[in-house]
Amino acid sequence: MLKQSTALAGLILGLGLAAPAIAQDEPEATAETTEETTAEIETAGDLTAETVIATVDGVEITLGQMIIAKSQLPQQYQSLPADVLFDGVLTQLIQQQALAATMTDEPARVTIALENQRRSLMAGEALTAFLEDAVSEEAIRAAYDEAFSEAGGALEYNASHILVPTQEDAADVIARLEAGEEFAALAQELSEDPGSGANGGGLGWFGAGMMVEPFQAAVETLEVGEVSGPVESQFGWHVILLNETREQEPPAFEEVAGDIEAQLQEEAINTYLTELTEGAEVDQPEPGTYPAEVLNDLTLLEE
């Protein structure tokens, strides 16, 4: 039954927005637009959420209800022209009210869904109000300073390598380098790493932990301009040349402020929720008291 209700709601939504001609004709046949409402619509500055746009058998449809309905439309509808949206949303609410009026009793599933929806909306409003003052600009700046105050001390490395299949091949490369051959030329000739080999072995800049461990450890022991001995990794044997080092620059505050704020907000929310729930009188069952599969029993909503 829940799936059926959802499908019907989608059908009504489709009728309301996919057929503007129906949206224009339908209100005249099923609802009244009062003279007072017409005057209010013509004077936009006088409109409020309580402004009655239409009635269906005496039941009011307000501008506030239309605004909420429009805000909850799927994204593909949001870019439609304003007049199409206005007429479509109004038609949707009129049709929904006409259908709802045919029900003499409110089903339990509707009552329960409304209770859940109200709880969720009120919780969202409370969370929004909490977040307005939960994280200040000063807190974001302090977190940035704490995270990146020592970032300038970290080193980045610019290295080149020649990848060969065996230790003997690596030893031959080192011998040719010691005999005066150019590292870049040998990388282009011998390296089995096609990406860096075509670039003379160059790997560009990387920080600590970005390369496989034996390779990274070897790079960090080299002086600028020094060539390593044979270094084995899961890819084969490397001969490494350290070209340059530099201190790592911390990211600009503006680049990471949003991420820091989101992290601080999440931490503040978790702390706040913990405080609220610990301060509340909560009576809940022990785990396993009820079978978890009961959540799948939709027949309970028919009782």
Protein backbone atom coordinates (compact mmCIF):
# COMPACT_ATOMS: atom_id res chain seq x y z
CA MET A 1 0.00 0.00 0.00
CA LEU A 2 2.87 2.39 0.71
CA LYS A 3 4.28 1.85 -2.76
CA GLN A 4 0.85 2.42 -4.27
CA SER A 5 0.46 5.72 -2.41
CA THR A 6 3.88 6.87 -3.60
CA ALA A 7 3.04 5.98 -7.18
CA LEU A 8 -0.23 7.91 -7.02
CA ALA A 9 1.54 10.95 -5.59
CA GLY A 10 4.01 10.81 -8.47
CA LEU A 11 1.16 10.54 -10.96
CA ILE A 12 -0.50 13.63 -9.52
CA LEU A 13 2.78 15.49 -9.67
CA GLY A 14 3.19 14.52 -13.31
CA LEU A 15 -0.32 15.67 -14.19
CA GLY A 16 0.26 18.97 -12.47
CA LEU A 17 3.53 19.89 -14.16
CA ALA A 18 3.67 18.01 -17.43
CA ALA A 19 0.41 19.47 -18.79
CA PRO A 20 0.26 23.27 -18.37
CA ALA A 21 -3.02 23.42 -20.32
CA ILE A 22 -4.69 21.18 -17.77
CA ALA A 23 -3.12 23.24 -15.00
CA GLN A 24 -4.76 26.34 -16.40
CA ASP A 25 -8.21 24.78 -16.86
CA GLU A 26 -8.41 22.52 -13.83
CA PRO A 27 -8.61 25.16 -11.05
CA GLU A 28 -11.69 26.72 -12.71
CA ALA A 29 -13.49 23.37 -12.68
CA THR A 30 -12.48 22.11 -9.21
CA ALA A 31 -11.64 25.13 -7.08
CA GLU A 32 -12.48 28.72 -6.43
CA THR A 33 -10.12 31.69 -6.53
CA THR A 34 -11.65 34.43 -4.40
CA GLU A 35 -11.81 38.12 -5.30
CA GLU A 36 -9.68 38.84 -2.24
CA THR A 37 -7.08 36.31 -3.41
CA THR A 38 -7.01 37.86 -6.88
CA ALA A 39 -6.34 41.28 -5.41
CA GLU A 40 -3.59 39.87 -3.21
CA ILE A 41 -1.94 38.12 -6.15
CA GLU A 42 -1.89 41.38 -8.05
CA THR A 43 -0.11 43.09 -5.13
CA ALA A 44 2.87 40.85 -4.50
CA GLY A 45 4.12 43.00 -1.66
CA ASP A 46 1.02 42.15 0.38
CA LEU A 47 1.37 38.38 0.06
CA THR A 48 2.11 36.19 3.08
CA ALA A 49 2.39 32.46 3.66
CA GLU A 50 -1.22 32.54 4.89
CA THR A 51 -2.55 34.10 1.68
CA VAL A 52 -5.31 31.81 0.36
CA ILE A 53 -4.69 31.09 -3.32
CA ALA A 54 -7.57 28.65 -3.88
CA THR A 55 -10.14 26.57 -2.05
CA VAL A 56 -11.46 23.07 -2.74
CA ASP A 57 -14.91 22.51 -1.25
CA GLY A 58 -14.05 25.12 1.37
CA VAL A 59 -10.59 23.72 2.20
CA GLU A 60 -7.94 26.43 1.79
CA ILE A 61 -4.76 26.09 -0.26
CA THR A 62 -2.31 28.76 0.88
CA LEU A 63 0.70 30.36 -0.71
CA GLY A 64 2.88 28.88 2.01
CA GLN A 65 1.72 25.39 1.11
CA MET A 66 2.54 26.07 -2.53
CA ILE A 67 6.01 27.37 -1.66
CA ILE A 68 6.81 24.23 0.34
CA ALA A 69 5.44 21.99 -2.42
CA LYS A 70 7.55 23.78 -5.03
CA SER A 71 10.71 23.53 -2.90
CA GLN A 72 10.24 19.75 -2.65
CA LEU A 73 9.92 19.16 -6.39
CA PRO A 74 12.59 17.03 -8.11
CA GLN A 75 15.49 19.04 -9.49
CA GLN A 76 14.39 18.62 -13.11
CA TYR A 77 11.28 20.68 -12.40
CA GLN A 78 13.02 23.58 -10.67
CA SER A 79 14.19 25.23 -13.88
CA LEU A 80 10.71 25.41 -15.43
CA PRO A 81 9.26 28.91 -16.05
CA ALA A 82 7.72 30.49 -12.97
CA ASP A 83 4.21 30.63 -14.45
CA VAL A 84 4.35 26.92 -15.36
CA LEU A 85 5.53 26.05 -11.86
CA PHE A 86 2.88 28.20 -10.22
CA ASP A 87 0.04 26.69 -12.23
CA GLY A 88 1.46 23.17 -11.98
CA VAL A 89 1.99 23.28 -8.22
CA LEU A 90 -1.50 24.74 -7.68
CA THR A 91 -3.05 22.03 -9.85
CA GLN A 92 -1.11 19.38 -7.96
CA LEU A 93 -2.39 20.60 -4.58
CA ILE A 94 -5.96 20.95 -5.87
CA GLN A 95 -5.93 17.40 -7.23
CA GLN A 96 -4.40 16.06 -4.03
CA GLN A 97 -7.04 17.80 -1.91
CA ALA A 98 -9.84 16.51 -4.13
CA LEU A 99 -8.50 12.98 -3.77
CA ALA A 100 -7.82 13.32 -0.04
CA ALA A 101 -11.40 14.48 0.54
CA THR A 102 -12.69 11.14 -0.71
CA MET A 103 -11.14 9.42 2.32
CA THR A 104 -13.54 9.23 5.26
CA ASP A 105 -10.96 7.91 7.75
CA GLU A 106 -7.25 8.67 8.03
CA PRO A 107 -5.26 5.42 7.58
CA ALA A 108 -2.82 4.55 10.35
CA ARG A 109 0.09 4.68 7.92
CA VAL A 110 -0.76 8.30 7.08
CA THR A 111 -0.95 9.30 10.74
CA ILE A 112 2.34 7.59 11.49
CA ALA A 113 4.04 9.09 8.43
CA LEU A 114 2.90 12.57 9.45
CA GLU A 115 4.29 12.04 12.94
CA ASN A 116 7.63 10.98 11.51
CA GLN A 117 7.65 13.85 9.04
CA ARG A 118 6.93 16.42 11.72
CA ARG A 119 9.66 14.98 13.95
CA SER A 120 12.15 15.06 11.08
CA LEU A 121 11.28 18.62 10.06
CA MET A 122 11.46 19.93 13.61
CA ALA A 123 14.80 18.19 14.14
CA GLY A 124 16.09 19.77 10.94
CA GLU A 125 14.98 23.22 12.07
CA ALA A 126 16.64 22.70 15.46
CA LEU A 127 19.86 21.58 13.81
CA THR A 128 19.86 24.57 11.48
CA ALA A 129 19.41 26.92 14.43
CA PHE A 130 22.20 25.18 16.33
CA LEU A 131 24.65 25.40 13.42
CA GLU A 132 24.17 29.16 13.03
CA ASP A 133 26.46 29.75 16.01
CA ALA A 134 28.14 26.36 16.38
CA VAL A 135 31.28 27.12 14.34
CA SER A 136 32.79 30.60 14.27
CA GLU A 137 35.30 32.06 11.82
CA GLU A 138 37.79 32.17 14.70
CA ALA A 139 37.33 28.44 15.31
CA ILE A 140 37.90 27.65 11.64
CA ARG A 141 41.04 29.80 11.60
CA ALA A 142 42.35 28.17 14.79
CA ALA A 143 41.78 24.69 13.34
CA TYR A 144 43.61 25.72 10.16
CA ASP A 145 46.56 27.06 12.14
CA GLU A 146 46.72 23.87 14.21
CA ALA A 147 46.55 21.61 11.16
CA PHE A 148 49.08 23.45 9.04
CA SER A 149 51.37 25.26 11.47
CA GLU A 150 54.10 22.68 10.87
CA ALA A 151 53.32 21.97 7.22
CA GLY A 152 56.27 24.06 6.10
CA GLY A 153 58.67 21.57 7.71
CA ALA A 154 57.60 18.65 5.51
CA LEU A 155 59.73 17.92 2.47
CA GLU A 156 58.67 17.19 -1.08
CA TYR A 157 60.94 15.33 -3.45
CA ASN A 158 61.59 15.60 -7.18
CA ALA A 159 63.18 12.40 -8.40
CA SER A 160 63.85 10.39 -11.53
CA HIS A 161 64.23 6.63 -11.83
CA ILE A 162 65.12 3.87 -14.23
CA LEU A 163 63.07 0.69 -13.80
CA VAL A 164 64.66 -2.59 -14.92
CA PRO A 165 63.69 -6.25 -14.36
CA THR A 166 66.69 -7.58 -12.41
CA GLN A 167 69.30 -6.49 -9.88
CA GLU A 168 72.01 -7.22 -12.43
CA ASP A 169 70.33 -4.86 -14.91
CA ALA A 170 70.23 -2.17 -12.23
CA ALA A 171 73.94 -2.68 -11.51
CA ASP A 172 74.69 -2.31 -15.25
CA VAL A 173 72.74 0.98 -15.31
CA ILE A 174 74.75 2.30 -12.36
CA ALA A 175 78.00 1.29 -14.08
CA ARG A 176 77.04 3.16 -17.25
CA LEU A 177 76.12 6.23 -15.20
CA GLU A 178 79.48 6.11 -13.43
CA ALA A 179 81.10 5.90 -16.86
CA GLY A 180 79.55 9.24 -17.74
CA GLU A 181 76.33 8.44 -19.58
CA GLU A 182 73.34 10.73 -19.01
CA PHE A 183 70.60 9.54 -16.63
CA ALA A 184 67.76 10.82 -18.84
CA ALA A 185 69.16 9.13 -21.94
CA LEU A 186 69.50 5.81 -20.15
CA ALA A 187 65.95 6.12 -18.78
CA GLN A 188 64.60 6.62 -22.29
CA GLU A 189 66.61 3.64 -23.53
CA LEU A 190 66.18 1.14 -20.71
CA SER A 191 63.35 1.99 -18.30
CA GLU A 192 60.36 -0.34 -18.25
CA ASP A 193 58.22 2.43 -16.79
CA PRO A 194 56.79 3.85 -20.03
CA GLY A 195 55.38 6.99 -18.44
CA SER A 196 58.49 8.29 -16.74
CA GLY A 197 60.89 6.60 -19.16
CA ALA A 198 59.73 8.75 -22.07
CA ASN A 199 60.28 11.75 -19.78
CA GLY A 200 63.88 10.89 -18.99
CA GLY A 201 62.81 9.05 -15.84
CA GLY A 202 61.21 12.13 -14.25
CA LEU A 203 58.52 11.49 -11.64
CA GLY A 204 57.81 15.09 -10.69
CA TRP A 205 57.14 16.23 -7.11
CA PHE A 206 55.82 13.92 -4.39
CA GLY A 207 55.61 13.97 -0.62
CA ALA A 208 56.28 11.45 2.11
CA GLY A 209 54.30 8.25 1.77
CA MET A 210 53.27 8.80 -1.84
CA MET A 211 55.62 6.16 -3.33
CA VAL A 212 55.91 2.46 -2.52
CA GLU A 213 57.83 1.99 0.69
CA PRO A 214 61.25 0.71 -0.52
CA PHE A 215 61.36 3.44 -3.16
CA GLN A 216 60.24 6.16 -0.72
CA ALA A 217 62.75 5.11 1.91
CA ALA A 218 65.59 5.17 -0.61
CA VAL A 219 64.66 8.64 -1.89
CA GLU A 220 64.61 10.07 1.62
CA THR A 221 68.20 8.93 2.26
CA LEU A 222 69.63 10.56 -0.88
CA GLU A 223 71.31 13.95 -1.19
CA VAL A 224 70.30 16.18 -4.10
CA GLY A 225 72.14 14.98 -7.21
CA GLU A 226 72.94 11.57 -5.70
CA VAL A 227 72.10 8.26 -7.42
CA SER A 228 70.91 5.29 -5.37
CA GLY A 229 72.06 1.72 -5.49
CA PRO A 230 69.66 -0.93 -6.83
CA VAL A 231 66.29 -0.67 -5.02
CA GLU A 232 63.76 -3.49 -5.28
CA SER A 233 59.99 -3.00 -5.21
CA GLN A 234 57.03 -5.05 -6.44
CA PHE A 235 57.50 -3.38 -9.83
CA GLY A 236 61.11 -4.45 -10.35
CA TRP A 237 64.49 -2.83 -9.66
CA HIS A 238 64.97 0.93 -9.54
CA VAL A 239 67.94 3.21 -9.94
CA ILE A 240 66.93 6.58 -8.46
CA LEU A 241 68.27 10.09 -8.95
CA LEU A 242 67.17 12.79 -6.48
CA ASN A 243 66.83 16.02 -8.47
CA GLU A 244 65.53 18.52 -5.89
CA THR A 245 63.82 18.92 -2.55
CA ARG A 246 61.60 21.70 -1.25
CA GLU A 247 59.51 22.54 1.78
CA GLN A 248 55.86 21.69 1.39
CA GLU A 249 53.64 24.77 1.12
CA PRO A 250 50.46 24.64 3.22
CA PRO A 251 47.22 25.19 1.31
CA ALA A 252 45.73 28.67 1.40
CA PHE A 253 43.13 29.21 4.11
CA GLU A 254 40.47 29.93 1.50
CA GLU A 255 41.11 26.59 -0.22
CA VAL A 256 40.40 24.47 2.85
CA ALA A 257 38.15 26.66 5.01
CA GLY A 258 35.01 24.96 3.71
CA ASP A 259 36.31 21.47 4.48
CA ILE A 260 37.46 22.56 7.93
CA GLU A 261 34.08 24.13 8.65
CA ALA A 262 32.27 20.95 7.58
CA GLN A 263 34.50 18.85 9.83
CA LEU A 264 33.99 21.18 12.80
CA GLN A 265 30.24 21.20 12.18
CA GLU A 266 30.14 17.41 12.16
CA GLU A 267 32.08 17.28 15.42
CA ALA A 268 29.82 19.92 16.99
CA ILE A 269 26.68 18.06 15.86
CA ASN A 270 27.91 14.76 17.29
CA THR A 271 28.78 16.41 20.60
CA TYR A 272 25.45 18.24 20.72
CA LEU A 273 23.43 15.09 19.93
CA THR A 274 25.32 13.15 22.58
CA GLU A 275 24.62 15.86 25.15
CA LEU A 276 20.94 16.02 24.22
CA THR A 277 20.34 12.27 24.32
CA GLU A 278 22.34 11.81 27.53
CA GLY A 279 20.36 14.64 29.11
CA ALA A 280 17.02 13.21 27.99
CA GLU A 281 15.05 10.54 29.83
CA VAL A 282 15.28 7.75 27.29
CA ASP A 283 13.58 4.41 27.84
CA GLN A 284 14.48 1.89 25.14
CA PRO A 285 14.62 -1.92 24.91
CA GLU A 286 17.71 -4.02 25.24
CA PRO A 287 19.19 -5.17 21.90
CA GLY A 288 17.41 -8.29 20.66
CA THR A 289 14.19 -7.64 22.57
CA TYR A 290 12.28 -7.38 19.29
CA PRO A 291 13.03 -9.31 16.08
CA ALA A 292 14.75 -6.96 13.63
CA GLU A 293 12.73 -8.42 10.74
CA VAL A 294 9.59 -6.79 12.12
CA LEU A 295 10.58 -3.61 10.26
CA ASN A 296 9.63 -5.37 7.03
CA ASP A 297 6.09 -6.19 8.18
CA LEU A 298 3.96 -3.58 6.39
CA THR A 299 0.79 -5.39 7.42
CA LEU A 300 1.17 -3.86 10.87
CA LEU A 301 0.28 -0.51 9.32
CA GLU A 302 -3.11 -1.87 8.31
CA GLU A 303 -4.16 -2.53 11.90
